[in-house]
Protein backbone atom coordinates (compact mmCIF):
# COMPACT_ATOMS: atom_id res chain seq x y z
CA ASP A 1 -21.20 -54.08 12.56
CA ILE A 2 -19.75 -56.69 10.22
CA SER A 3 -21.76 -59.38 12.04
CA GLN A 4 -24.87 -57.87 10.40
CA ALA A 5 -23.52 -58.51 6.88
CA GLU A 6 -24.58 -61.56 4.89
CA ASP A 7 -22.99 -60.72 1.53
CA ILE A 8 -19.91 -62.95 1.15
CA GLU A 9 -18.06 -60.35 -0.96
CA THR A 10 -18.60 -57.77 1.79
CA ILE A 11 -17.36 -60.15 4.50
CA ASN A 12 -14.30 -61.18 2.45
CA MET A 13 -13.47 -57.54 1.66
CA TYR A 14 -13.78 -56.66 5.35
CA HIS A 15 -11.22 -59.27 6.40
CA GLU A 16 -8.91 -58.48 3.48
CA ARG A 17 -8.84 -54.78 4.32
CA LEU A 18 -8.32 -55.47 8.01
CA SER A 19 -5.18 -57.42 7.07
CA GLU A 20 -4.06 -54.47 4.92
CA GLY A 21 -4.19 -52.12 7.91
CA TYR A 22 -7.50 -50.32 7.39
CA THR A 23 -9.47 -49.51 10.54
CA LYS A 24 -12.83 -51.14 11.23
CA ALA A 25 -14.48 -47.71 11.02
CA GLU A 26 -12.98 -47.01 7.57
CA ILE A 27 -14.07 -50.39 6.25
CA LEU A 28 -17.60 -50.13 7.63
CA THR A 29 -17.97 -46.65 6.13
CA SER A 30 -17.00 -48.11 2.76
CA ILE A 31 -19.37 -51.06 3.20
CA ASN A 32 -22.27 -48.79 4.17
CA THR A 33 -21.59 -46.59 1.17
CA LYS A 34 -21.14 -49.26 -1.50
CA GLY A 35 -22.43 -52.54 -0.07
CA ARG A 36 -25.53 -54.37 -1.31
CA ASP A 37 -27.02 -55.37 2.04
CA ASN A 38 -28.34 -51.86 2.78
CA ALA A 39 -30.78 -52.26 -0.11
CA ARG A 40 -31.71 -55.85 0.76
CA HIS A 41 -33.29 -55.43 4.18
CA PRO A 42 -36.80 -56.84 4.60
CA MET A 43 -39.64 -54.53 3.61
CA GLN A 44 -41.19 -52.94 6.68
CA TRP A 45 -44.89 -53.62 6.08
CA ASP A 46 -46.23 -52.96 9.59
CA ASP A 47 -45.27 -52.93 13.27
CA SER A 48 -45.77 -56.66 13.89
CA GLU A 49 -42.90 -59.11 14.43
CA ASN A 50 -40.27 -58.95 11.65
CA ALA A 51 -42.11 -55.85 10.36
CA GLY A 52 -44.76 -58.12 8.84
CA PHE A 53 -42.25 -59.31 6.25
CA THR A 54 -42.17 -62.97 7.28
CA THR A 55 -43.21 -65.35 10.01
CA GLY A 56 -39.82 -67.03 9.60
CA LYS A 57 -36.35 -65.66 10.19
CA PRO A 58 -35.46 -62.91 7.68
CA TRP A 59 -32.08 -63.22 5.91
CA LEU A 60 -31.03 -59.81 7.25
CA PHE A 61 -32.03 -58.10 10.46
CA VAL A 62 -35.10 -55.86 10.41
CA ASN A 63 -34.31 -52.23 11.19
CA GLU A 64 -35.39 -51.45 14.74
CA ASN A 65 -37.41 -48.43 13.54
CA TYR A 66 -40.07 -50.70 11.94
CA HIS A 67 -42.51 -49.94 14.79
CA THR A 68 -42.88 -46.37 13.51
CA ILE A 69 -41.53 -46.46 9.94
CA ASN A 70 -43.53 -48.94 7.88
CA ALA A 71 -45.97 -49.11 4.98
CA LYS A 72 -49.05 -49.38 7.21
CA SER A 73 -48.24 -46.18 9.13
CA ALA A 74 -47.36 -44.38 5.88
CA LEU A 75 -50.76 -45.25 4.41
CA ALA A 76 -52.44 -43.93 7.57
CA ASP A 77 -50.63 -40.55 7.36
CA PRO A 78 -51.87 -38.21 4.60
CA ASP A 79 -48.58 -36.25 4.87
CA SER A 80 -46.34 -39.32 4.51
CA ILE A 81 -43.67 -39.75 1.85
CA PHE A 82 -46.01 -42.25 0.11
CA TYR A 83 -48.70 -39.63 -0.53
CA THR A 84 -46.15 -36.90 -1.23
CA TYR A 85 -44.61 -39.12 -3.90
CA GLN A 86 -48.07 -39.71 -5.42
CA LYS A 87 -48.59 -35.94 -5.55
CA LEU A 88 -45.23 -35.48 -7.26
CA VAL A 89 -46.02 -38.14 -9.88
CA ARG A 90 -49.40 -36.47 -10.59
CA LEU A 91 -47.68 -33.08 -10.75
CA ARG A 92 -45.21 -34.34 -13.33
CA LYS A 93 -47.85 -36.11 -15.44
CA SER A 94 -50.25 -33.16 -15.48
CA ASN A 95 -47.76 -30.33 -16.07
CA PRO A 96 -45.66 -30.41 -19.27
CA ILE A 97 -43.35 -27.79 -17.76
CA MET A 98 -41.90 -30.53 -15.52
CA ILE A 99 -40.99 -32.69 -18.53
CA TRP A 100 -40.42 -30.32 -21.42
CA GLY A 101 -39.50 -27.09 -19.64
CA ASP A 102 -36.10 -25.51 -20.10
CA PHE A 103 -33.87 -26.02 -17.08
CA GLU A 104 -31.82 -23.24 -15.46
CA LEU A 105 -29.75 -24.17 -12.41
CA LEU A 106 -29.42 -21.32 -9.90
CA GLU A 107 -26.44 -20.48 -7.67
CA THR A 108 -27.23 -21.43 -4.08
CA ALA A 109 -25.70 -22.59 -0.83
CA THR A 110 -23.92 -25.95 -1.09
CA ASP A 111 -26.77 -27.96 0.45
CA VAL A 112 -29.53 -26.21 -1.50
CA MET A 113 -30.60 -27.10 -5.02
CA SER A 114 -32.65 -24.57 -6.90
CA TYR A 115 -33.64 -24.25 -10.51
CA VAL A 116 -36.21 -22.64 -12.80
CA ARG A 117 -38.26 -24.53 -15.38
CA THR A 118 -39.68 -22.47 -18.27
CA TYR A 119 -42.30 -23.68 -20.74
CA ALA A 120 -45.15 -22.14 -22.76
CA GLY A 121 -44.94 -18.78 -21.00
CA GLN A 122 -44.80 -20.29 -17.50
CA ARG A 123 -41.88 -20.25 -15.08
CA TRP A 124 -41.64 -22.49 -12.02
CA LEU A 125 -39.03 -22.23 -9.28
CA ILE A 126 -38.00 -25.40 -7.47
CA VAL A 127 -36.04 -25.08 -4.20
CA THR A 128 -34.85 -27.93 -1.94
CA ASN A 129 -32.72 -27.87 1.20
CA PHE A 130 -30.85 -31.20 1.28
CA SER A 131 -29.57 -30.89 4.85
CA ASN A 132 -30.42 -31.15 8.55
CA GLU A 133 -29.48 -27.49 8.94
CA GLU A 134 -31.26 -24.24 8.18
CA GLN A 135 -30.06 -22.72 4.91
CA THR A 136 -30.58 -19.37 3.24
CA PHE A 137 -32.11 -18.75 -0.16
CA SER A 138 -32.92 -15.49 -1.85
CA SER A 139 -34.42 -14.47 -5.17
CA ALA A 140 -35.76 -11.23 -6.60
CA GLU A 141 -38.51 -13.23 -8.36
CA THR A 142 -42.16 -12.85 -7.34
CA ILE A 143 -44.39 -15.76 -6.39
CA ASP A 144 -47.62 -16.14 -8.34
CA ARG A 145 -48.77 -19.21 -6.40
CA VAL A 146 -47.42 -22.19 -4.47
CA ILE A 147 -47.64 -25.42 -6.48
CA ILE A 148 -46.48 -27.85 -3.77
CA GLN A 149 -44.45 -27.75 -0.55
CA ASN A 150 -43.50 -30.16 2.20
CA ASP A 151 -44.16 -27.97 5.22
CA GLU A 152 -46.48 -25.25 6.51
CA THR A 153 -44.16 -22.31 5.81
CA VAL A 154 -46.08 -19.38 4.38
CA LEU A 155 -44.33 -18.40 1.16
CA ASN A 156 -45.11 -14.81 0.21
CA ASP A 157 -41.67 -13.53 -0.67
CA LEU A 158 -38.47 -15.18 -1.90
CA LYS A 159 -36.09 -12.56 -0.52
CA ASN A 160 -33.81 -13.77 2.28
CA LEU A 161 -35.69 -16.97 3.09
CA THR A 162 -34.45 -19.19 5.88
CA LEU A 163 -35.10 -22.72 4.69
CA THR A 164 -35.89 -25.23 7.40
CA PRO A 165 -34.08 -28.59 7.33
CA TRP A 166 -35.25 -30.67 4.34
CA GLN A 167 -37.67 -27.94 3.21
CA ALA A 168 -38.74 -28.16 -0.43
CA PHE A 169 -41.20 -26.24 -2.55
CA VAL A 170 -42.29 -25.47 -6.09
CA VAL A 171 -43.78 -22.08 -6.92
CA LYS A 172 -45.13 -20.57 -10.11
CA LEU A 173 -43.40 -17.26 -10.78
CA LYS A 174 -45.09 -14.08 -12.04
């Protein structure tokens, strides 16, 4: 809702576009896509009042999900995005293939990104499903070992895989 906006340019643009005949829904979609306020919400540190960001009144509203999505709960969960990101940074720093490897983009479904990195005789396959829906992926390649993955799916074969929503993995190829 426009009442949640604090950015004066956003508010002015909202009223200007209303007068030009745009619908509220069209304008809010544009604001949510390009506006600054989405990136300026208070950091959600914990589940206390105002997400632990301030004892005062924050300049923007705190997202109502702060009781479950916050830094404190992420640090308590070994499978959180915080620890996954740490693993990815270590993976990149300790494996030259991720920096210097040749990149080959593979043909996939629209919401799937897949590519092969090749370096010093090694080949790694990276597959990510960027959707809320199951997607298919298939490759004739053979898995040597799983490097990292974000779920418990047992990866033995790459033929006719059904990727779960948001599934991602990196495997070393034989």
